[in-house]
């Protein structure tokens, strides 16, 4: 039992690392290229949320499709280490729910997810974690509150 809980926690941490990597390197890295499939993130999501005091009520089709694709790519883990896979899947679902809730309730985000608030409203080149700032803390990319 404790073994499975530890593996599930590893899955959550891997989910956080994946969130960080996709956000930093795909959405903010490749997303800077106008013809990139990831350019929607900076062009649409960041501009809309910045112009509306963090609010962006649209559902991202890329996020809606991308999450399941990433889970499919990691499907072998389901057979090798199911608890890790379920931890990653739980993180992916949490990301989708939390990210959409955050952008509908800016005061909630400012209070409970200040790193994501700071990413949009202070410095978009830091704080790439949305659900948790774990990878930002480990890599030194967490934007501190002033």
C-alpha atoms as a PDB file:
ATOM      1  CA  UNK A   1       0.000   0.000   0.000  1.00  0.00           C
ATOM      2  CA  UNK A   2       2.710   2.512   0.990  1.00  0.00           C
ATOM      3  CA  UNK A   3       4.621   1.444  -2.120  1.00  0.00           C
ATOM      4  CA  UNK A   4       1.645   2.394  -4.337  1.00  0.00           C
ATOM      5  CA  UNK A   5       1.173   5.717  -2.540  1.00  0.00           C
ATOM      6  CA  UNK A   6       4.855   6.536  -3.123  1.00  0.00           C
ATOM      7  CA  UNK A   7       4.532   5.602  -6.811  1.00  0.00           C
ATOM      8  CA  UNK A   8       1.366   7.697  -7.121  1.00  0.00           C
ATOM      9  CA  UNK A   9       3.249  10.658  -5.618  1.00  0.00           C
ATOM     10  CA  UNK A  10       6.043  10.107  -8.154  1.00  0.00           C
ATOM     11  CA  UNK A  11       3.350  10.217 -10.851  1.00  0.00           C
ATOM     12  CA  UNK A  12       2.130  13.554  -9.493  1.00  0.00           C
ATOM     13  CA  UNK A  13       5.683  14.908  -9.568  1.00  0.00           C
ATOM     14  CA  UNK A  14       6.156  13.658 -13.133  1.00  0.00           C
ATOM     15  CA  UNK A  15       2.876  15.363 -14.039  1.00  0.00           C
ATOM     16  CA  UNK A  16       4.219  18.591 -12.582  1.00  0.00           C
ATOM     17  CA  UNK A  17       7.490  18.193 -14.527  1.00  0.00           C
ATOM     18  CA  UNK A  18       5.515  17.597 -17.726  1.00  0.00           C
ATOM     19  CA  UNK A  19       3.315  20.628 -17.070  1.00  0.00           C
ATOM     20  CA  UNK A  20       6.435  22.754 -16.504  1.00  0.00           C
ATOM     21  CA  UNK A  21       8.175  21.464 -19.641  1.00  0.00           C
ATOM     22  CA  UNK A  22       5.180  21.879 -21.936  1.00  0.00           C
ATOM     23  CA  UNK A  23       4.437  25.353 -20.606  1.00  0.00           C
ATOM     24  CA  UNK A  24       8.031  26.602 -20.697  1.00  0.00           C
ATOM     25  CA  UNK A  25       9.439  24.950 -23.822  1.00  0.00           C
ATOM     26  CA  UNK A  26       6.401  24.434 -26.050  1.00  0.00           C
ATOM     27  CA  UNK A  27       3.975  27.231 -25.122  1.00  0.00           C
ATOM     28  CA  UNK A  28       6.596  29.888 -24.359  1.00  0.00           C
ATOM     29  CA  UNK A  29       9.486  28.528 -26.426  1.00  0.00           C
ATOM     30  CA  UNK A  30       8.017  27.276 -29.694  1.00  0.00           C
ATOM     31  CA  UNK A  31       4.943  29.428 -29.040  1.00  0.00           C
ATOM     32  CA  UNK A  32       6.972  32.544 -29.881  1.00  0.00           C
ATOM     33  CA  UNK A  33       7.013  31.436 -33.527  1.00  0.00           C
ATOM     34  CA  UNK A  34       3.900  32.842 -35.222  1.00  0.00           C
ATOM     35  CA  UNK A  35       3.246  29.736 -37.323  1.00  0.00           C
ATOM     36  CA  UNK A  36       3.677  27.319 -34.428  1.00  0.00           C
ATOM     37  CA  UNK A  37       0.696  25.285 -33.224  1.00  0.00           C
ATOM     38  CA  UNK A  38       1.636  26.542 -29.755  1.00  0.00           C
ATOM     39  CA  UNK A  39       1.487  30.257 -30.628  1.00  0.00           C
ATOM     40  CA  UNK A  40      -2.130  30.385 -29.401  1.00  0.00           C
ATOM     41  CA  UNK A  41      -0.847  30.414 -25.848  1.00  0.00           C
ATOM     42  CA  UNK A  42       0.993  33.725 -25.992  1.00  0.00           C
ATOM     43  CA  UNK A  43      -1.096  35.294 -28.757  1.00  0.00           C
ATOM     44  CA  UNK A  44      -4.486  34.417 -27.339  1.00  0.00           C
ATOM     45  CA  UNK A  45      -4.406  33.197 -23.755  1.00  0.00           C
ATOM     46  CA  UNK A  46      -1.803  35.617 -22.386  1.00  0.00           C
ATOM     47  CA  UNK A  47      -3.129  38.645 -24.260  1.00  0.00           C
ATOM     48  CA  UNK A  48      -6.750  37.961 -23.307  1.00  0.00           C
ATOM     49  CA  UNK A  49      -6.014  37.271 -19.657  1.00  0.00           C
ATOM     50  CA  UNK A  50      -3.719  40.298 -19.354  1.00  0.00           C
ATOM     51  CA  UNK A  51      -6.306  42.594 -20.976  1.00  0.00           C
ATOM     52  CA  UNK A  52      -9.059  41.270 -18.684  1.00  0.00           C
ATOM     53  CA  UNK A  53      -7.290  41.366 -15.296  1.00  0.00           C
ATOM     54  CA  UNK A  54      -6.426  37.634 -15.552  1.00  0.00           C
ATOM     55  CA  UNK A  55      -9.868  36.478 -16.752  1.00  0.00           C
ATOM     56  CA  UNK A  56     -10.017  34.159 -19.774  1.00  0.00           C
ATOM     57  CA  UNK A  57     -13.231  32.131 -19.827  1.00  0.00           C
ATOM     58  CA  UNK A  58     -12.496  30.241 -23.049  1.00  0.00           C
ATOM     59  CA  UNK A  59     -11.624  26.538 -22.931  1.00  0.00           C
ATOM     60  CA  UNK A  60      -8.379  25.769 -24.716  1.00  0.00           C
ATOM     61  CA  UNK A  61      -8.934  23.086 -27.345  1.00  0.00           C
ATOM     62  CA  UNK A  62      -5.187  22.446 -27.423  1.00  0.00           C
ATOM     63  CA  UNK A  63      -5.206  21.733 -23.663  1.00  0.00           C
ATOM     64  CA  UNK A  64      -8.381  19.661 -23.993  1.00  0.00           C
ATOM     65  CA  UNK A  65      -6.810  17.517 -26.723  1.00  0.00           C
ATOM     66  CA  UNK A  66      -3.195  17.701 -25.524  1.00  0.00           C
ATOM     67  CA  UNK A  67      -3.794  16.207 -22.090  1.00  0.00           C
ATOM     68  CA  UNK A  68      -5.270  12.938 -23.395  1.00  0.00           C
ATOM     69  CA  UNK A  69      -2.556  12.747 -26.078  1.00  0.00           C
ATOM     70  CA  UNK A  70       0.135  13.043 -23.416  1.00  0.00           C
ATOM     71  CA  UNK A  71      -1.592  10.354 -21.368  1.00  0.00           C
ATOM     72  CA  UNK A  72      -1.721   8.095 -24.446  1.00  0.00           C
ATOM     73  CA  UNK A  73       1.996   8.625 -25.024  1.00  0.00           C
ATOM     74  CA  UNK A  74       2.623   7.511 -21.463  1.00  0.00           C
ATOM     75  CA  UNK A  75       0.240   4.522 -21.670  1.00  0.00           C
ATOM     76  CA  UNK A  76       3.058   1.942 -21.287  1.00  0.00           C
ATOM     77  CA  UNK A  77       3.392   3.189 -17.699  1.00  0.00           C
ATOM     78  CA  UNK A  78      -0.127   1.908 -17.047  1.00  0.00           C
ATOM     79  CA  UNK A  79       1.202  -1.630 -17.489  1.00  0.00           C
ATOM     80  CA  UNK A  80       4.648  -1.110 -15.961  1.00  0.00           C
ATOM     81  CA  UNK A  81       3.739   1.085 -12.982  1.00  0.00           C
ATOM     82  CA  UNK A  82      -0.011   1.734 -12.800  1.00  0.00           C
ATOM     83  CA  UNK A  83       0.222   3.928  -9.697  1.00  0.00           C
ATOM     84  CA  UNK A  84       2.646   6.288 -11.477  1.00  0.00           C
ATOM     85  CA  UNK A  85       0.327   6.464 -14.487  1.00  0.00           C
ATOM     86  CA  UNK A  86      -2.692   7.215 -12.290  1.00  0.00           C
ATOM     87  CA  UNK A  87      -0.711   9.927 -10.504  1.00  0.00           C
ATOM     88  CA  UNK A  88       0.091  11.536 -13.863  1.00  0.00           C
ATOM     89  CA  UNK A  89      -3.535  11.181 -14.993  1.00  0.00           C
ATOM     90  CA  UNK A  90      -4.780  12.743 -11.741  1.00  0.00           C
ATOM     91  CA  UNK A  91      -2.390  15.642 -12.267  1.00  0.00           C
ATOM     92  CA  UNK A  92      -3.552  16.119 -15.870  1.00  0.00           C
ATOM     93  CA  UNK A  93      -7.216  16.231 -14.820  1.00  0.00           C
ATOM     94  CA  UNK A  94      -6.378  18.560 -11.933  1.00  0.00           C
ATOM     95  CA  UNK A  95      -4.475  20.845 -14.303  1.00  0.00           C
ATOM     96  CA  UNK A  96      -7.418  21.163 -16.684  1.00  0.00           C
ATOM     97  CA  UNK A  97      -9.947  21.835 -13.911  1.00  0.00           C
ATOM     98  CA  UNK A  98      -7.727  24.147 -11.855  1.00  0.00           C
ATOM     99  CA  UNK A  99      -6.399  26.177 -14.795  1.00  0.00           C
ATOM    100  CA  UNK A 100      -9.875  26.855 -16.105  1.00  0.00           C
ATOM    101  CA  UNK A 101     -11.138  27.722 -12.615  1.00  0.00           C
ATOM    102  CA  UNK A 102      -8.183  30.047 -12.003  1.00  0.00           C
ATOM    103  CA  UNK A 103      -8.957  32.136 -15.071  1.00  0.00           C
ATOM    104  CA  UNK A 104     -12.590  32.537 -14.066  1.00  0.00           C
ATOM    105  CA  UNK A 105     -11.802  33.517 -10.464  1.00  0.00           C
ATOM    106  CA  UNK A 106      -8.789  35.852 -10.362  1.00  0.00           C
ATOM    107  CA  UNK A 107      -9.072  36.704  -6.649  1.00  0.00           C
ATOM    108  CA  UNK A 108      -8.997  32.992  -5.777  1.00  0.00           C
ATOM    109  CA  UNK A 109      -5.897  32.579  -7.953  1.00  0.00           C
ATOM    110  CA  UNK A 110      -4.181  35.616  -6.489  1.00  0.00           C
ATOM    111  CA  UNK A 111      -4.712  34.204  -2.983  1.00  0.00           C
ATOM    112  CA  UNK A 112      -4.114  30.449  -3.485  1.00  0.00           C
ATOM    113  CA  UNK A 113      -2.027  30.230  -6.683  1.00  0.00           C
ATOM    114  CA  UNK A 114       0.085  33.413  -6.594  1.00  0.00           C
ATOM    115  CA  UNK A 115       2.771  31.870  -8.817  1.00  0.00           C
ATOM    116  CA  UNK A 116       0.294  31.526 -11.693  1.00  0.00           C
ATOM    117  CA  UNK A 117      -1.051  35.032 -11.080  1.00  0.00           C
ATOM    118  CA  UNK A 118       2.523  36.345 -11.180  1.00  0.00           C
ATOM    119  CA  UNK A 119       3.203  34.426 -14.395  1.00  0.00           C
ATOM    120  CA  UNK A 120       0.391  36.272 -16.191  1.00  0.00           C
ATOM    121  CA  UNK A 121       0.383  39.626 -14.467  1.00  0.00           C
ATOM    122  CA  UNK A 122       4.009  40.170 -13.466  1.00  0.00           C
ATOM    123  CA  UNK A 123       6.579  38.115 -15.425  1.00  0.00           C
ATOM    124  CA  UNK A 124       5.552  35.604 -18.085  1.00  0.00           C
ATOM    125  CA  UNK A 125       9.149  34.340 -18.279  1.00  0.00           C
ATOM    126  CA  UNK A 126       8.964  32.707 -14.847  1.00  0.00           C
ATOM    127  CA  UNK A 127       6.583  30.531 -12.811  1.00  0.00           C
ATOM    128  CA  UNK A 128       5.565  27.999 -15.448  1.00  0.00           C
ATOM    129  CA  UNK A 129       3.866  25.715 -12.956  1.00  0.00           C
ATOM    130  CA  UNK A 130       0.103  26.176 -12.969  1.00  0.00           C
ATOM    131  CA  UNK A 131      -1.137  23.710 -10.365  1.00  0.00           C
ATOM    132  CA  UNK A 132       2.024  23.487  -8.248  1.00  0.00           C
ATOM    133  CA  UNK A 133       5.240  25.515  -8.233  1.00  0.00           C
ATOM    134  CA  UNK A 134       7.398  22.452  -7.454  1.00  0.00           C
ATOM    135  CA  UNK A 135       9.492  22.496 -10.656  1.00  0.00           C
ATOM    136  CA  UNK A 136       9.818  26.278 -10.467  1.00  0.00           C
ATOM    137  CA  UNK A 137      11.202  25.967  -6.953  1.00  0.00           C
ATOM    138  CA  UNK A 138      13.615  23.204  -8.009  1.00  0.00           C
ATOM    139  CA  UNK A 139      14.829  25.112 -11.092  1.00  0.00           C
ATOM    140  CA  UNK A 140      14.875  28.588  -9.537  1.00  0.00           C
ATOM    141  CA  UNK A 141      12.236  29.967 -11.917  1.00  0.00           C
ATOM    142  CA  UNK A 142       9.602  30.860  -9.339  1.00  0.00           C
ATOM    143  CA  UNK A 143       8.649  34.555  -9.572  1.00  0.00           C
ATOM    144  CA  UNK A 144       8.640  35.864  -6.033  1.00  0.00           C
ATOM    145  CA  UNK A 145       6.023  38.266  -4.735  1.00  0.00           C
ATOM    146  CA  UNK A 146       7.353  41.804  -4.275  1.00  0.00           C
END
